[in-house]
Amino acid sequence: MNTDTLKITEENFDAQYIDCIEIERIDKFVCDEMDRQIHRYIKAMHGSKQVMDLFVSQLKGMDIAAKEQAIAHYIDFNRKVLNGLDLKIVLVRAFANYCDTLYFFDKLYRDDQKFLFYIKRIREKYLSFHEVFEENGKFGIKDAKGKILVHPRYDFLRRVFAYIDDLSPIPIIAQKDGKFGLILPDGNDTVVGDFIYDDISLRDEPPFFEASIGKETIWLNNQGKVFSDRASF
């Protein structure tokens, strides 16, 4: 018998008992609310209904765990979505959707231990940020779990935190052998902009990348499509 295991009694029931169904349902309602908050973000950035529908289609058919990961990845590379996002409000809305009486909601809301448990759970699920690391003088990127997104092969990396319309990945500005290019943080270092540019800078609006070769200036979008003049945007 494990004497370290705390026995659940009538006195400590609320503090010690873990309701797996409650956690599962609140996870679901939190995920729905995070989805709604992303929609609000896209709308605030003047996204069209087509953009909204595209975002919905990306998440459609995913189970809760996959949807959580997709939203977390979106937040990781589009951190402006966090501006004005209050996780306490997200949780309160989830509580309200879960509870079938005001009494139950009030009890759940006033349970400080449980409230902190769920806030921590939300942070762990949705605020898992990648980091740049160095190996033998070269730079790469790992996600929050240590999985390599960009291998350490580059002299310079610039992460891009910018508004995009859907869940598609946005490229990383990278430098190799004295030239700049665009790669995806997909674990395969997929090149979407060849390493032929003297410089690449970030723009505030699509197409997000402005590149130069000598005195020539061109623009590239998220897929690496090249625009030779502003009229072609």
Protein backbone atom coordinates (compact mmCIF):
# COMPACT_ATOMS: atom_id res chain seq x y z
CA MET A 1 0.00 0.00 0.00
CA ASN A 2 1.30 3.42 -0.91
CA THR A 3 1.16 5.50 2.28
CA ASP A 4 2.09 8.64 0.33
CA THR A 5 -1.27 8.66 -1.45
CA LEU A 6 -3.64 11.11 0.21
CA LYS A 7 -7.00 9.51 0.98
CA ILE A 8 -9.99 11.45 -0.28
CA THR A 9 -12.41 12.24 2.53
CA GLU A 10 -15.59 14.30 2.84
CA GLU A 11 -13.50 17.16 4.24
CA ASN A 12 -10.92 17.29 1.43
CA PHE A 13 -13.13 16.08 -1.41
CA ASP A 14 -13.34 19.40 -3.30
CA ALA A 15 -9.58 19.97 -3.02
CA GLN A 16 -8.40 16.46 -3.91
CA TYR A 17 -10.97 14.96 -6.27
CA ILE A 18 -10.21 15.31 -9.97
CA ASP A 19 -13.28 15.19 -12.20
CA CYS A 20 -11.99 13.93 -15.55
CA ILE A 21 -15.28 14.69 -17.28
CA GLU A 22 -15.23 18.26 -16.00
CA ILE A 23 -11.67 18.75 -17.25
CA GLU A 24 -12.53 17.25 -20.64
CA ARG A 25 -15.58 19.48 -21.10
CA ILE A 26 -13.89 22.66 -19.89
CA ASP A 27 -10.95 21.91 -22.22
CA LYS A 28 -13.48 21.72 -25.04
CA PHE A 29 -15.19 24.99 -24.11
CA VAL A 30 -11.82 26.74 -23.66
CA CYS A 31 -10.81 25.54 -27.13
CA ASP A 32 -14.08 26.88 -28.58
CA GLU A 33 -13.47 30.24 -26.91
CA MET A 34 -9.85 30.42 -28.13
CA ASP A 35 -11.16 29.69 -31.62
CA ARG A 36 -13.65 32.55 -31.20
CA GLN A 37 -10.91 34.90 -30.01
CA ILE A 38 -8.86 34.13 -33.14
CA HIS A 39 -11.92 34.98 -35.21
CA ARG A 40 -12.20 38.31 -33.41
CA TYR A 41 -8.53 38.96 -34.10
CA ILE A 42 -8.93 38.28 -37.81
CA LYS A 43 -11.99 40.54 -37.91
CA ALA A 44 -10.10 43.30 -36.08
CA MET A 45 -7.38 43.02 -38.70
CA HIS A 46 -10.09 43.59 -41.35
CA GLY A 47 -10.13 40.01 -42.57
CA SER A 48 -12.90 39.16 -45.03
CA LYS A 49 -15.59 36.48 -44.66
CA GLN A 50 -13.52 34.41 -47.06
CA VAL A 51 -10.61 34.68 -44.64
CA MET A 52 -12.87 33.62 -41.76
CA ASP A 53 -14.13 30.64 -43.74
CA LEU A 54 -10.56 29.66 -44.58
CA PHE A 55 -9.62 29.67 -40.91
CA VAL A 56 -12.68 27.57 -40.04
CA SER A 57 -11.89 25.06 -42.80
CA GLN A 58 -8.35 24.63 -41.45
CA LEU A 59 -9.72 23.55 -38.04
CA LYS A 60 -12.71 21.58 -39.30
CA GLY A 61 -12.55 17.88 -38.57
CA MET A 62 -9.78 18.17 -35.96
CA ASP A 63 -10.29 16.61 -32.55
CA ILE A 64 -9.80 18.82 -29.50
CA ALA A 65 -6.13 17.91 -28.98
CA ALA A 66 -5.24 18.63 -32.62
CA LYS A 67 -7.23 21.86 -32.57
CA GLU A 68 -5.43 22.97 -29.39
CA GLN A 69 -2.06 22.35 -31.05
CA ALA A 70 -3.09 24.17 -34.24
CA ILE A 71 -4.27 27.24 -32.31
CA ALA A 72 -1.14 27.18 -30.12
CA HIS A 73 1.03 27.08 -33.25
CA TYR A 74 -0.93 29.98 -34.73
CA ILE A 75 -0.41 32.02 -31.56
CA ASP A 76 3.28 31.13 -31.43
CA PHE A 77 3.97 32.63 -34.84
CA ASN A 78 1.30 35.35 -34.70
CA ARG A 79 1.78 36.76 -31.23
CA LYS A 80 -0.13 39.95 -31.94
CA VAL A 81 -3.23 37.85 -31.30
CA LEU A 82 -2.30 38.03 -27.60
CA ASN A 83 -2.89 41.79 -27.54
CA GLY A 84 -6.05 42.21 -25.52
CA LEU A 85 -6.51 38.46 -24.99
CA ASP A 86 -7.48 37.88 -21.34
CA LEU A 87 -7.17 34.21 -20.40
CA LYS A 88 -9.31 34.78 -17.31
CA ILE A 89 -12.20 35.89 -19.53
CA VAL A 90 -11.61 32.84 -21.74
CA LEU A 91 -11.86 30.60 -18.69
CA VAL A 92 -14.93 32.34 -17.26
CA ARG A 93 -16.73 31.91 -20.60
CA ALA A 94 -15.75 28.23 -20.59
CA PHE A 95 -17.09 27.87 -17.04
CA ALA A 96 -20.36 29.54 -18.07
CA ASN A 97 -20.80 27.12 -20.98
CA TYR A 98 -20.04 24.14 -18.76
CA CYS A 99 -22.30 25.02 -15.82
CA ASP A 100 -26.05 24.42 -15.93
CA THR A 101 -26.93 26.55 -12.90
CA LEU A 102 -25.82 29.91 -11.54
CA TYR A 103 -25.08 28.26 -8.20
CA PHE A 104 -22.71 25.76 -9.83
CA PHE A 105 -21.03 28.51 -11.86
CA ASP A 106 -20.56 30.70 -8.78
CA LYS A 107 -19.07 27.80 -6.82
CA LEU A 108 -16.67 26.93 -9.64
CA TYR A 109 -15.70 30.55 -10.21
CA ARG A 110 -14.97 31.17 -6.53
CA ASP A 111 -12.81 28.06 -6.16
CA ASP A 112 -9.39 29.75 -6.28
CA GLN A 113 -7.45 26.49 -6.41
CA LYS A 114 -9.46 25.18 -9.34
CA PHE A 115 -9.39 28.54 -11.14
CA LEU A 116 -5.58 28.64 -10.93
CA PHE A 117 -5.42 24.99 -12.06
CA TYR A 118 -7.31 25.80 -15.25
CA ILE A 119 -5.43 29.04 -15.94
CA LYS A 120 -2.16 27.11 -15.69
CA ARG A 121 -3.60 24.42 -17.97
CA ILE A 122 -4.60 27.02 -20.58
CA ARG A 123 -1.15 28.60 -20.50
CA GLU A 124 0.56 25.23 -20.91
CA LYS A 125 -1.66 24.29 -23.85
CA TYR A 126 -1.79 27.54 -25.80
CA LEU A 127 1.25 29.61 -24.81
CA SER A 128 4.05 27.25 -25.78
CA PHE A 129 6.62 29.37 -27.55
CA HIS A 130 9.54 28.29 -29.74
CA GLU A 131 13.09 29.50 -29.17
CA VAL A 132 16.23 30.15 -31.18
CA PHE A 133 19.25 28.05 -30.24
CA GLU A 134 22.91 28.03 -31.30
CA GLU A 135 25.01 25.00 -32.18
CA ASN A 136 28.59 25.21 -33.47
CA GLY A 137 28.11 28.87 -34.33
CA LYS A 138 24.96 28.26 -36.38
CA PHE A 139 21.36 29.05 -35.44
CA GLY A 140 18.22 26.96 -35.44
CA ILE A 141 14.77 26.96 -33.85
CA LYS A 142 13.12 24.48 -31.46
CA ASP A 143 9.53 24.36 -30.32
CA ALA A 144 8.54 24.38 -26.64
CA LYS A 145 8.95 20.59 -26.45
CA GLY A 146 12.43 20.62 -27.98
CA LYS A 147 11.41 19.47 -31.46
CA ILE A 148 13.58 21.05 -34.15
CA LEU A 149 11.62 23.36 -36.45
CA VAL A 150 14.69 24.85 -38.17
CA HIS A 151 18.01 23.02 -38.12
CA PRO A 152 21.14 24.87 -36.89
CA ARG A 153 22.56 25.61 -40.35
CA TYR A 154 22.15 29.37 -40.57
CA ASP A 155 24.27 32.42 -39.79
CA PHE A 156 21.21 34.53 -38.99
CA LEU A 157 17.51 33.91 -38.34
CA ARG A 158 14.74 36.44 -38.01
CA ARG A 159 11.46 35.14 -36.70
CA VAL A 160 8.38 36.79 -38.12
CA PHE A 161 5.44 37.52 -35.82
CA ALA A 162 2.86 38.89 -38.21
CA TYR A 163 -0.85 38.72 -38.97
CA ILE A 164 -1.78 36.03 -41.47
CA ASP A 165 -5.21 35.02 -42.66
CA ASP A 166 -5.18 31.30 -41.89
CA LEU A 167 -3.14 28.56 -40.24
CA SER A 168 -0.57 28.41 -43.02
CA PRO A 169 3.03 28.76 -41.80
CA ILE A 170 4.82 32.05 -42.33
CA PRO A 171 8.47 31.87 -43.43
CA ILE A 172 11.57 32.66 -41.41
CA ILE A 173 14.16 35.11 -42.78
CA ALA A 174 17.46 33.21 -42.84
CA GLN A 175 21.03 33.91 -43.94
CA LYS A 176 23.42 31.27 -45.29
CA ASP A 177 26.75 31.69 -47.08
CA GLY A 178 26.29 35.46 -47.12
CA LYS A 179 22.89 35.41 -48.84
CA PHE A 180 19.35 35.73 -47.48
CA GLY A 181 16.38 33.50 -48.19
CA LEU A 182 13.05 32.38 -46.74
CA ILE A 183 12.47 29.00 -45.09
CA LEU A 184 9.52 27.38 -43.35
CA PRO A 185 9.74 26.31 -39.69
CA ASP A 186 8.40 22.87 -40.65
CA GLY A 187 11.28 20.66 -39.47
CA ASN A 188 12.49 20.23 -43.05
CA ASP A 189 13.91 23.72 -43.67
CA THR A 190 11.71 23.97 -46.75
CA VAL A 191 12.96 26.85 -48.90
CA VAL A 192 10.25 29.18 -50.22
CA GLY A 193 12.58 32.04 -51.14
CA ASP A 194 15.94 31.08 -52.66
CA PHE A 195 19.18 32.17 -50.96
CA ILE A 196 20.00 34.75 -53.61
CA TYR A 197 19.18 38.04 -51.88
CA ASP A 198 21.54 40.62 -50.41
CA ASP A 199 18.92 41.53 -47.82
CA ILE A 200 15.34 40.74 -46.82
CA SER A 201 13.28 42.98 -44.57
CA LEU A 202 9.81 42.63 -43.12
CA ARG A 203 6.82 44.71 -44.20
CA ASP A 204 3.73 45.50 -42.10
CA GLU A 205 1.33 44.25 -44.75
CA PRO A 206 1.20 41.63 -47.52
CA PRO A 207 3.40 40.80 -49.27
CA PHE A 208 5.35 40.66 -46.02
CA PHE A 209 8.88 40.51 -47.43
CA GLU A 210 10.91 43.13 -49.28
CA ALA A 211 14.16 41.81 -50.77
CA SER A 212 17.05 43.30 -52.68
CA ILE A 213 19.58 42.03 -55.21
CA GLY A 214 22.07 44.78 -55.87
CA LYS A 215 19.99 47.86 -56.64
CA GLU A 216 16.90 45.88 -57.58
CA THR A 217 14.02 45.64 -55.10
CA ILE A 218 11.42 42.87 -55.22
CA TRP A 219 8.69 41.61 -52.89
CA LEU A 220 7.77 38.09 -51.78
CA ASN A 221 4.64 36.68 -50.17
CA ASN A 222 4.32 33.81 -47.67
CA GLN A 223 4.57 31.22 -50.43
CA GLY A 224 7.66 32.80 -51.95
CA LYS A 225 5.84 34.26 -54.94
CA VAL A 226 7.87 37.14 -56.39
CA PHE A 227 6.42 40.54 -57.26
CA SER A 228 8.64 42.79 -59.34
CA ASP A 229 6.63 46.00 -58.84
CA ARG A 230 4.06 47.40 -56.41
CA ALA A 231 1.32 47.41 -59.04
CA SER A 232 1.42 43.60 -59.12
CA PHE A 233 0.58 43.11 -55.42
